[in-house]
N, C-alpha and C. Protein backbone atom coordinates (compact mmCIF):
# COMPACT_ATOMS: atom_id res chain seq x y z
N MET A 1 12.42 19.44 37.76
CA MET A 1 11.74 18.44 36.95
C MET A 1 12.57 18.07 35.72
N VAL A 2 13.26 19.04 35.13
CA VAL A 2 14.06 18.78 33.93
C VAL A 2 15.25 17.87 34.26
N PHE A 3 15.90 18.10 35.40
CA PHE A 3 17.08 17.32 35.76
C PHE A 3 16.78 15.83 35.89
N PRO A 4 15.80 15.41 36.69
CA PRO A 4 15.55 13.97 36.77
C PRO A 4 15.08 13.36 35.45
N VAL A 5 14.31 14.10 34.68
CA VAL A 5 13.86 13.58 33.38
C VAL A 5 15.06 13.41 32.44
N SER A 6 16.00 14.35 32.48
CA SER A 6 17.20 14.21 31.63
C SER A 6 18.04 13.03 32.08
N LEU A 7 18.12 12.79 33.40
CA LEU A 7 18.85 11.61 33.87
C LEU A 7 18.21 10.34 33.29
N ILE A 8 16.89 10.29 33.32
CA ILE A 8 16.17 9.12 32.83
C ILE A 8 16.38 8.95 31.32
N LEU A 9 16.15 10.03 30.57
CA LEU A 9 16.22 9.92 29.11
C LEU A 9 17.63 9.60 28.60
N PHE A 10 18.63 10.31 29.13
CA PHE A 10 20.00 10.03 28.67
C PHE A 10 20.49 8.68 29.19
N GLY A 11 20.04 8.28 30.37
CA GLY A 11 20.37 6.95 30.86
C GLY A 11 19.80 5.87 29.96
N ILE A 12 18.54 6.04 29.55
CA ILE A 12 17.92 5.08 28.63
C ILE A 12 18.63 5.07 27.29
N LEU A 13 18.96 6.25 26.77
CA LEU A 13 19.66 6.33 25.49
C LEU A 13 20.99 5.58 25.54
N GLY A 14 21.76 5.81 26.59
CA GLY A 14 23.04 5.12 26.74
C GLY A 14 22.87 3.62 26.93
N TRP A 15 21.84 3.23 27.67
CA TRP A 15 21.59 1.80 27.89
C TRP A 15 21.20 1.11 26.59
N VAL A 16 20.34 1.75 25.81
CA VAL A 16 19.92 1.17 24.53
C VAL A 16 21.12 1.01 23.59
N ALA A 17 21.99 2.01 23.55
CA ALA A 17 23.19 1.91 22.71
C ALA A 17 24.09 0.77 23.19
N SER A 18 24.26 0.66 24.49
CA SER A 18 25.08 -0.43 25.05
C SER A 18 24.46 -1.79 24.75
N PHE A 19 23.14 -1.88 24.84
CA PHE A 19 22.44 -3.12 24.54
C PHE A 19 22.61 -3.50 23.07
N GLY A 20 22.43 -2.53 22.19
CA GLY A 20 22.60 -2.78 20.75
C GLY A 20 24.00 -3.24 20.43
N LEU A 21 24.97 -2.60 21.03
CA LEU A 21 26.36 -2.97 20.78
C LEU A 21 26.66 -4.36 21.35
N THR A 22 26.06 -4.68 22.49
CA THR A 22 26.24 -6.01 23.07
C THR A 22 25.68 -7.08 22.14
N LEU A 23 24.50 -6.83 21.57
CA LEU A 23 23.92 -7.79 20.62
C LEU A 23 24.82 -7.97 19.40
N GLU A 24 25.33 -6.86 18.89
CA GLU A 24 26.24 -6.94 17.73
C GLU A 24 27.51 -7.70 18.09
N ARG A 25 28.00 -7.49 19.30
CA ARG A 25 29.22 -8.19 19.74
C ARG A 25 28.99 -9.69 19.84
N ILE A 26 27.82 -10.08 20.34
CA ILE A 26 27.47 -11.50 20.41
C ILE A 26 27.40 -12.10 19.01
N LYS A 27 26.81 -11.35 18.08
CA LYS A 27 26.69 -11.79 16.69
C LYS A 27 28.08 -12.04 16.09
N VAL A 28 28.99 -11.11 16.30
CA VAL A 28 30.34 -11.23 15.74
C VAL A 28 31.13 -12.32 16.47
N ALA A 29 30.89 -12.50 17.75
CA ALA A 29 31.57 -13.58 18.48
C ALA A 29 31.16 -14.94 17.92
N GLY A 30 29.89 -15.06 17.52
CA GLY A 30 29.41 -16.31 16.94
C GLY A 30 29.86 -16.53 15.51
N ASP A 31 30.07 -15.44 14.79
CA ASP A 31 30.49 -15.52 13.38
C ASP A 31 31.41 -14.34 13.08
N PRO A 32 32.71 -14.53 13.23
CA PRO A 32 33.65 -13.43 13.01
C PRO A 32 33.59 -12.82 11.61
N ALA A 33 33.03 -13.53 10.66
CA ALA A 33 32.92 -12.99 9.31
C ALA A 33 31.66 -12.13 9.13
N ALA A 34 30.78 -12.15 10.10
CA ALA A 34 29.52 -11.39 10.00
C ALA A 34 29.80 -9.90 10.01
N SER A 35 28.96 -9.16 9.30
CA SER A 35 29.07 -7.70 9.36
C SER A 35 28.01 -7.19 10.34
N THR A 36 28.26 -6.03 10.90
CA THR A 36 27.32 -5.45 11.85
C THR A 36 26.42 -4.45 11.15
N ALA A 37 25.36 -4.08 11.81
CA ALA A 37 24.38 -3.15 11.24
C ALA A 37 24.99 -1.78 10.96
N CYS A 38 26.05 -1.46 11.65
CA CYS A 38 26.62 -0.12 11.44
C CYS A 38 27.97 -0.16 10.72
N ASP A 39 28.23 -1.20 9.98
CA ASP A 39 29.41 -1.24 9.10
C ASP A 39 29.00 -0.61 7.77
N ILE A 40 29.08 0.73 7.71
CA ILE A 40 28.55 1.41 6.53
C ILE A 40 29.60 2.09 5.67
N SER A 41 30.83 2.15 6.15
CA SER A 41 31.89 2.76 5.35
C SER A 41 33.24 2.32 5.92
N PRO A 42 34.32 2.70 5.25
CA PRO A 42 35.64 2.33 5.78
C PRO A 42 35.92 2.91 7.17
N PHE A 43 35.30 4.01 7.51
CA PHE A 43 35.61 4.62 8.80
C PHE A 43 34.43 4.62 9.77
N ILE A 44 33.27 4.20 9.35
CA ILE A 44 32.15 4.01 10.26
C ILE A 44 31.87 2.51 10.26
N SER A 45 32.47 1.86 11.26
CA SER A 45 32.46 0.41 11.30
C SER A 45 32.54 -0.08 12.74
N CYS A 46 31.42 -0.53 13.26
CA CYS A 46 31.40 -1.05 14.63
C CYS A 46 32.31 -2.27 14.77
N LYS A 47 32.31 -3.12 13.75
CA LYS A 47 33.10 -4.35 13.83
C LYS A 47 34.58 -4.04 13.98
N SER A 48 35.08 -3.04 13.26
CA SER A 48 36.50 -2.66 13.38
C SER A 48 36.83 -2.25 14.80
N VAL A 49 35.90 -1.54 15.42
CA VAL A 49 36.13 -1.07 16.79
C VAL A 49 35.98 -2.22 17.78
N MET A 50 34.91 -3.01 17.65
CA MET A 50 34.64 -4.04 18.65
C MET A 50 35.65 -5.18 18.64
N LEU A 51 36.38 -5.36 17.55
CA LEU A 51 37.39 -6.41 17.50
C LEU A 51 38.77 -5.91 17.95
N SER A 52 38.86 -4.65 18.32
CA SER A 52 40.13 -4.10 18.80
C SER A 52 40.34 -4.45 20.27
N GLU A 53 41.58 -4.40 20.70
CA GLU A 53 41.87 -4.68 22.11
C GLU A 53 41.27 -3.61 23.02
N GLN A 54 41.07 -2.40 22.53
CA GLN A 54 40.48 -1.32 23.33
C GLN A 54 39.00 -1.60 23.66
N ALA A 55 38.36 -2.47 22.91
CA ALA A 55 36.94 -2.76 23.10
C ALA A 55 36.67 -3.66 24.30
N ALA A 56 37.72 -4.14 24.93
CA ALA A 56 37.58 -4.97 26.12
C ALA A 56 38.65 -4.54 27.13
N LEU A 57 38.57 -3.30 27.53
CA LEU A 57 39.60 -2.70 28.37
C LEU A 57 39.85 -3.48 29.66
N LEU A 58 38.79 -3.95 30.29
CA LEU A 58 38.93 -4.65 31.57
C LEU A 58 38.89 -6.17 31.42
N GLY A 59 39.03 -6.64 30.18
CA GLY A 59 39.03 -8.07 29.95
C GLY A 59 37.69 -8.63 29.50
N PHE A 60 36.69 -7.80 29.43
CA PHE A 60 35.37 -8.19 28.93
C PHE A 60 34.86 -7.04 28.07
N PRO A 61 33.88 -7.28 27.20
CA PRO A 61 33.43 -6.23 26.28
C PRO A 61 32.94 -4.96 27.01
N ASN A 62 33.42 -3.81 26.55
CA ASN A 62 33.05 -2.53 27.16
C ASN A 62 31.55 -2.27 27.23
N PRO A 63 30.73 -2.74 26.27
CA PRO A 63 29.30 -2.46 26.36
C PRO A 63 28.65 -3.02 27.62
N LEU A 64 29.27 -4.03 28.21
CA LEU A 64 28.73 -4.57 29.46
C LEU A 64 28.84 -3.54 30.58
N ILE A 65 29.88 -2.72 30.52
CA ILE A 65 30.01 -1.62 31.49
C ILE A 65 28.84 -0.67 31.31
N GLY A 66 28.52 -0.34 30.06
CA GLY A 66 27.40 0.55 29.78
C GLY A 66 26.07 -0.01 30.23
N LEU A 67 25.87 -1.32 30.04
CA LEU A 67 24.61 -1.93 30.49
C LEU A 67 24.41 -1.73 31.99
N ALA A 68 25.48 -1.83 32.75
CA ALA A 68 25.38 -1.64 34.20
C ALA A 68 25.34 -0.16 34.57
N ALA A 69 26.22 0.63 33.98
CA ALA A 69 26.38 2.02 34.38
C ALA A 69 25.20 2.91 34.00
N PHE A 70 24.65 2.74 32.81
CA PHE A 70 23.57 3.62 32.38
C PHE A 70 22.26 3.36 33.12
N PHE A 71 22.20 2.27 33.85
CA PHE A 71 21.01 1.98 34.64
C PHE A 71 20.91 2.93 35.84
N ALA A 72 22.06 3.35 36.38
CA ALA A 72 22.09 4.20 37.58
C ALA A 72 21.36 5.53 37.40
N PRO A 73 21.65 6.32 36.36
CA PRO A 73 20.93 7.60 36.24
C PRO A 73 19.42 7.42 36.04
N VAL A 74 19.02 6.33 35.42
CA VAL A 74 17.59 6.07 35.24
C VAL A 74 16.93 5.88 36.60
N VAL A 75 17.53 5.05 37.42
CA VAL A 75 16.97 4.78 38.75
C VAL A 75 16.98 6.05 39.60
N VAL A 76 18.07 6.79 39.57
CA VAL A 76 18.18 8.02 40.36
C VAL A 76 17.15 9.04 39.88
N GLY A 77 16.98 9.18 38.58
CA GLY A 77 16.00 10.11 38.04
C GLY A 77 14.59 9.79 38.52
N PHE A 78 14.21 8.51 38.45
CA PHE A 78 12.88 8.12 38.93
C PHE A 78 12.75 8.33 40.44
N ALA A 79 13.82 8.07 41.18
CA ALA A 79 13.78 8.28 42.63
C ALA A 79 13.57 9.76 42.96
N ILE A 80 14.24 10.65 42.24
CA ILE A 80 14.06 12.09 42.47
C ILE A 80 12.63 12.49 42.15
N LEU A 81 12.09 11.98 41.05
CA LEU A 81 10.69 12.28 40.70
C LEU A 81 9.73 11.80 41.79
N ALA A 82 10.11 10.72 42.48
CA ALA A 82 9.27 10.18 43.55
C ALA A 82 9.48 10.91 44.87
N GLY A 83 10.41 11.87 44.88
CA GLY A 83 10.63 12.67 46.09
C GLY A 83 11.85 12.31 46.89
N ALA A 84 12.68 11.43 46.41
CA ALA A 84 13.88 11.03 47.15
C ALA A 84 14.88 12.17 47.23
N LYS A 85 15.56 12.23 48.34
CA LYS A 85 16.67 13.15 48.56
C LYS A 85 17.89 12.31 48.89
N PHE A 86 19.01 12.65 48.31
CA PHE A 86 20.22 11.87 48.52
C PHE A 86 21.27 12.69 49.26
N ALA A 87 22.06 12.01 50.08
CA ALA A 87 23.12 12.64 50.86
C ALA A 87 24.27 13.08 49.96
N SER A 88 25.10 13.93 50.51
CA SER A 88 26.25 14.44 49.76
C SER A 88 27.16 13.31 49.29
N TRP A 89 27.40 12.33 50.15
CA TRP A 89 28.28 11.22 49.76
C TRP A 89 27.73 10.50 48.53
N PHE A 90 26.41 10.42 48.41
CA PHE A 90 25.80 9.77 47.27
C PHE A 90 26.11 10.55 45.99
N TRP A 91 25.90 11.89 46.03
CA TRP A 91 26.14 12.71 44.85
C TRP A 91 27.62 12.76 44.50
N GLN A 92 28.47 12.72 45.51
CA GLN A 92 29.91 12.67 45.24
C GLN A 92 30.28 11.36 44.54
N GLY A 93 29.67 10.27 44.98
CA GLY A 93 29.90 8.98 44.33
C GLY A 93 29.34 8.94 42.92
N MET A 94 28.13 9.51 42.76
CA MET A 94 27.51 9.56 41.43
C MET A 94 28.38 10.39 40.49
N LEU A 95 28.87 11.51 40.97
CA LEU A 95 29.74 12.35 40.15
C LEU A 95 31.05 11.63 39.85
N ALA A 96 31.62 10.96 40.83
CA ALA A 96 32.88 10.23 40.59
C ALA A 96 32.69 9.20 39.49
N GLY A 97 31.56 8.50 39.51
CA GLY A 97 31.27 7.54 38.45
C GLY A 97 31.17 8.19 37.09
N HIS A 98 30.57 9.37 37.05
CA HIS A 98 30.43 10.06 35.77
C HIS A 98 31.72 10.76 35.32
N VAL A 99 32.56 11.12 36.26
CA VAL A 99 33.89 11.62 35.89
C VAL A 99 34.68 10.49 35.22
N LEU A 100 34.60 9.30 35.82
CA LEU A 100 35.25 8.14 35.20
C LEU A 100 34.63 7.83 33.84
N GLY A 101 33.30 7.94 33.76
CA GLY A 101 32.62 7.71 32.49
C GLY A 101 33.05 8.70 31.42
N MET A 102 33.18 9.96 31.80
CA MET A 102 33.60 10.99 30.84
C MET A 102 35.05 10.76 30.41
N ALA A 103 35.91 10.40 31.36
CA ALA A 103 37.30 10.08 31.02
C ALA A 103 37.35 8.88 30.07
N PHE A 104 36.49 7.90 30.30
CA PHE A 104 36.42 6.71 29.45
C PHE A 104 35.97 7.11 28.04
N VAL A 105 34.99 8.01 27.96
CA VAL A 105 34.51 8.48 26.64
C VAL A 105 35.65 9.17 25.89
N ILE A 106 36.37 10.04 26.56
CA ILE A 106 37.47 10.76 25.91
C ILE A 106 38.53 9.76 25.44
N TRP A 107 38.86 8.79 26.28
CA TRP A 107 39.85 7.79 25.90
C TRP A 107 39.34 6.96 24.72
N LEU A 108 38.08 6.50 24.80
CA LEU A 108 37.53 5.70 23.71
C LEU A 108 37.47 6.49 22.40
N PHE A 109 37.10 7.77 22.50
CA PHE A 109 37.09 8.61 21.30
C PHE A 109 38.48 8.69 20.70
N SER A 110 39.48 8.97 21.52
CA SER A 110 40.85 9.11 20.99
C SER A 110 41.34 7.80 20.39
N GLN A 111 41.01 6.69 21.02
CA GLN A 111 41.42 5.39 20.49
C GLN A 111 40.70 5.08 19.18
N SER A 112 39.39 5.33 19.14
CA SER A 112 38.62 5.06 17.92
C SER A 112 39.11 5.91 16.75
N ALA A 113 39.20 7.19 16.99
CA ALA A 113 39.53 8.12 15.90
C ALA A 113 41.00 8.06 15.50
N TYR A 114 41.90 7.98 16.46
CA TYR A 114 43.30 8.16 16.14
C TYR A 114 44.15 6.89 16.17
N VAL A 115 43.66 5.82 16.79
CA VAL A 115 44.43 4.58 16.83
C VAL A 115 43.78 3.52 15.93
N ILE A 116 42.51 3.25 16.17
CA ILE A 116 41.79 2.24 15.38
C ILE A 116 41.47 2.78 13.99
N GLY A 117 41.13 4.05 13.92
CA GLY A 117 40.82 4.67 12.64
C GLY A 117 39.42 4.39 12.15
N ALA A 118 38.51 4.11 13.07
CA ALA A 118 37.11 3.85 12.72
C ALA A 118 36.22 4.31 13.86
N LEU A 119 34.99 4.62 13.51
CA LEU A 119 34.00 5.05 14.50
C LEU A 119 32.86 4.05 14.56
N CYS A 120 32.36 3.85 15.75
CA CYS A 120 31.25 2.94 15.99
C CYS A 120 30.02 3.79 16.32
N ILE A 121 28.95 3.60 15.57
CA ILE A 121 27.74 4.41 15.79
C ILE A 121 27.17 4.17 17.18
N TYR A 122 27.09 2.91 17.60
CA TYR A 122 26.56 2.62 18.93
C TYR A 122 27.41 3.30 20.01
N CYS A 123 28.72 3.26 19.83
CA CYS A 123 29.62 3.91 20.79
C CYS A 123 29.37 5.41 20.84
N MET A 124 29.20 6.01 19.66
CA MET A 124 28.98 7.45 19.62
C MET A 124 27.65 7.83 20.28
N VAL A 125 26.65 6.97 20.18
CA VAL A 125 25.38 7.23 20.87
C VAL A 125 25.59 7.15 22.38
N ALA A 126 26.36 6.18 22.83
CA ALA A 126 26.67 6.08 24.26
C ALA A 126 27.44 7.32 24.73
N TRP A 127 28.37 7.81 23.90
CA TRP A 127 29.09 9.03 24.25
C TRP A 127 28.12 10.21 24.33
N THR A 128 27.18 10.24 23.39
CA THR A 128 26.19 11.31 23.35
C THR A 128 25.35 11.34 24.62
N ALA A 129 25.14 10.19 25.22
CA ALA A 129 24.40 10.13 26.48
C ALA A 129 25.27 10.49 27.68
N THR A 130 26.51 10.07 27.67
CA THR A 130 27.41 10.29 28.81
C THR A 130 27.73 11.76 29.01
N ILE A 131 27.93 12.49 27.93
CA ILE A 131 28.37 13.88 28.02
C ILE A 131 27.38 14.77 28.77
N PRO A 132 26.09 14.79 28.42
CA PRO A 132 25.17 15.64 29.19
C PRO A 132 24.96 15.14 30.62
N LEU A 133 25.04 13.82 30.82
CA LEU A 133 24.93 13.31 32.19
C LEU A 133 26.07 13.86 33.04
N PHE A 134 27.27 13.84 32.50
CA PHE A 134 28.43 14.36 33.24
C PHE A 134 28.24 15.83 33.60
N TRP A 135 27.95 16.67 32.59
CA TRP A 135 27.86 18.11 32.85
C TRP A 135 26.71 18.45 33.80
N SER A 136 25.57 17.80 33.65
CA SER A 136 24.43 18.14 34.52
C SER A 136 24.64 17.65 35.95
N ILE A 137 25.23 16.47 36.10
CA ILE A 137 25.48 15.96 37.46
C ILE A 137 26.56 16.79 38.14
N LEU A 138 27.58 17.19 37.41
CA LEU A 138 28.61 18.07 37.98
C LEU A 138 28.00 19.39 38.44
N GLY A 139 27.17 20.01 37.60
CA GLY A 139 26.52 21.26 37.98
C GLY A 139 25.58 21.09 39.15
N TYR A 140 24.78 20.02 39.13
CA TYR A 140 23.82 19.78 40.20
C TYR A 140 24.52 19.56 41.54
N ALA A 141 25.54 18.70 41.53
CA ALA A 141 26.27 18.43 42.78
C ALA A 141 26.91 19.70 43.32
N GLY A 142 27.43 20.54 42.42
CA GLY A 142 28.01 21.81 42.86
C GLY A 142 26.98 22.76 43.42
N LYS A 143 25.89 22.96 42.71
CA LYS A 143 24.88 23.95 43.14
C LYS A 143 24.17 23.54 44.41
N GLU A 144 24.06 22.25 44.65
CA GLU A 144 23.39 21.76 45.86
C GLU A 144 24.33 21.71 47.07
N GLY A 145 25.59 22.09 46.87
CA GLY A 145 26.54 22.13 47.97
C GLY A 145 27.18 20.79 48.29
N HIS A 146 27.02 19.80 47.45
CA HIS A 146 27.59 18.48 47.71
C HIS A 146 29.09 18.43 47.46
N LEU A 147 29.62 19.48 46.84
CA LEU A 147 31.06 19.55 46.58
C LEU A 147 31.73 20.61 47.44
N GLY A 148 31.00 21.11 48.41
CA GLY A 148 31.51 22.14 49.31
C GLY A 148 30.86 23.48 49.06
N PRO A 149 30.81 24.32 50.10
CA PRO A 149 30.12 25.61 49.99
C PRO A 149 30.76 26.59 49.01
N LYS A 150 32.04 26.45 48.76
CA LYS A 150 32.73 27.38 47.86
C LYS A 150 32.35 27.17 46.40
N LEU A 151 31.80 26.01 46.09
CA LEU A 151 31.47 25.70 44.71
C LEU A 151 29.99 25.85 44.37
N VAL A 152 29.20 26.35 45.33
CA VAL A 152 27.75 26.46 45.11
C VAL A 152 27.42 27.43 43.97
N SER A 153 28.01 28.61 43.98
CA SER A 153 27.67 29.58 42.93
C SER A 153 28.17 29.12 41.57
N GLY A 154 29.38 28.58 41.50
CA GLY A 154 29.89 28.06 40.24
C GLY A 154 29.08 26.86 39.77
N GLY A 155 28.67 26.02 40.70
CA GLY A 155 27.83 24.88 40.36
C GLY A 155 26.49 25.30 39.81
N ALA A 156 25.93 26.38 40.40
CA ALA A 156 24.63 26.88 39.93
C ALA A 156 24.75 27.39 38.49
N VAL A 157 25.83 28.08 38.19
CA VAL A 157 26.04 28.58 36.83
C VAL A 157 26.22 27.41 35.87
N LEU A 158 27.05 26.44 36.26
CA LEU A 158 27.28 25.28 35.40
C LEU A 158 26.00 24.49 35.19
N PHE A 159 25.21 24.33 36.26
CA PHE A 159 23.96 23.58 36.15
C PHE A 159 23.01 24.27 35.16
N GLU A 160 22.92 25.59 35.26
CA GLU A 160 22.04 26.33 34.36
C GLU A 160 22.53 26.27 32.91
N TRP A 161 23.83 26.23 32.74
CA TRP A 161 24.42 26.26 31.40
C TRP A 161 25.02 24.92 30.99
N ALA A 162 24.61 23.84 31.65
CA ALA A 162 25.13 22.50 31.31
C ALA A 162 24.85 22.15 29.85
N TRP A 163 23.75 22.65 29.32
CA TRP A 163 23.42 22.36 27.92
C TRP A 163 24.45 23.00 26.98
N VAL A 164 25.00 24.15 27.38
CA VAL A 164 26.02 24.80 26.56
C VAL A 164 27.33 24.00 26.63
N ALA A 165 27.70 23.56 27.84
CA ALA A 165 28.90 22.73 27.98
C ALA A 165 28.76 21.45 27.17
N THR A 166 27.56 20.88 27.20
CA THR A 166 27.28 19.67 26.42
C THR A 166 27.42 19.95 24.93
N LEU A 167 26.81 21.03 24.48
CA LEU A 167 26.87 21.39 23.07
C LEU A 167 28.31 21.66 22.63
N LEU A 168 29.07 22.37 23.44
CA LEU A 168 30.47 22.64 23.10
C LEU A 168 31.30 21.36 23.03
N THR A 169 31.01 20.43 23.93
CA THR A 169 31.71 19.15 23.90
C THR A 169 31.35 18.38 22.63
N TYR A 170 30.05 18.35 22.29
CA TYR A 170 29.62 17.70 21.05
C TYR A 170 30.31 18.34 19.83
N LEU A 171 30.32 19.66 19.79
CA LEU A 171 30.92 20.36 18.64
C LEU A 171 32.41 20.09 18.53
N THR A 172 33.09 20.04 19.67
CA THR A 172 34.52 19.74 19.67
C THR A 172 34.78 18.35 19.10
N LEU A 173 34.02 17.36 19.57
CA LEU A 173 34.20 16.00 19.06
C LEU A 173 33.84 15.92 17.58
N ALA A 174 32.76 16.59 17.18
CA ALA A 174 32.35 16.57 15.77
C ALA A 174 33.42 17.20 14.89
N LEU A 175 34.00 18.30 15.34
CA LEU A 175 35.06 18.96 14.57
C LEU A 175 36.29 18.06 14.45
N LEU A 176 36.66 17.41 15.55
CA LEU A 176 37.80 16.50 15.51
C LEU A 176 37.54 15.32 14.57
N ILE A 177 36.31 14.82 14.57
CA ILE A 177 35.94 13.73 13.66
C ILE A 177 35.98 14.22 12.22
N LEU A 178 35.43 15.39 11.98
CA LEU A 178 35.42 15.95 10.62
C LEU A 178 36.85 16.09 10.08
N ILE A 179 37.72 16.63 10.90
CA ILE A 179 39.12 16.83 10.48
C ILE A 179 39.83 15.49 10.30
N ARG A 180 39.68 14.60 11.28
CA ARG A 180 40.40 13.32 11.25
C ARG A 180 40.02 12.47 10.03
N PHE A 181 38.74 12.48 9.67
CA PHE A 181 38.26 11.63 8.58
C PHE A 181 37.91 12.43 7.34
N TRP A 182 38.55 13.57 7.16
CA TRP A 182 38.25 14.47 6.05
C TRP A 182 38.27 13.76 4.69
N ASP A 183 39.25 12.94 4.46
CA ASP A 183 39.38 12.28 3.15
C ASP A 183 38.37 11.16 2.94
N TYR A 184 37.75 10.70 4.01
CA TYR A 184 36.80 9.58 3.90
C TYR A 184 35.35 10.01 3.67
N TRP A 185 35.01 11.25 3.95
CA TRP A 185 33.62 11.69 3.85
C TRP A 185 33.00 11.43 2.46
N PRO A 186 33.73 11.64 1.38
CA PRO A 186 33.13 11.36 0.06
C PRO A 186 32.72 9.90 -0.14
N THR A 187 33.30 8.98 0.63
CA THR A 187 32.94 7.56 0.46
C THR A 187 31.52 7.27 0.95
N LEU A 188 30.94 8.19 1.70
CA LEU A 188 29.57 7.98 2.20
C LEU A 188 28.53 8.29 1.13
N PHE A 189 28.93 8.97 0.08
CA PHE A 189 27.94 9.42 -0.92
C PHE A 189 28.12 8.73 -2.24
């Protein structure tokens, strides 16, 4: 029961962040001089991030990817609650999508923090949703045998402790942000 509910909740969280960022992007596209709701400091600035070339990796704004992608875990979560069972190929595909999503988060984080030099609150909320989705789907697919019989026991452990993997990932990113923007923190107060 916890797994499908977490798929739904984190999917909704990521979708809402993507939707908010899409609205802000439309606002800035209409008026490049406009400030966004999350332009609150020199290093917490959605506008700085959304106007970078990294914000449209595939030639269109990245939040559109989130609008489409975060819908999937919501639908799957509700389907599981309704009693649906999915084949191994489905879970392998779902995991592949979330592996790509996690790789995208890591790339976007590195670009935001170390290349652009600014963080986007909406983006960070989307990252916050992607990370637990990745760890829980990886653990679930492993424990259910969708990744092969040799990974069932490891998958079961990861599935049970996915919250720890999520927390460690959050802490790692928070520490990197703290260190990277150490000199800017006083500007918030």
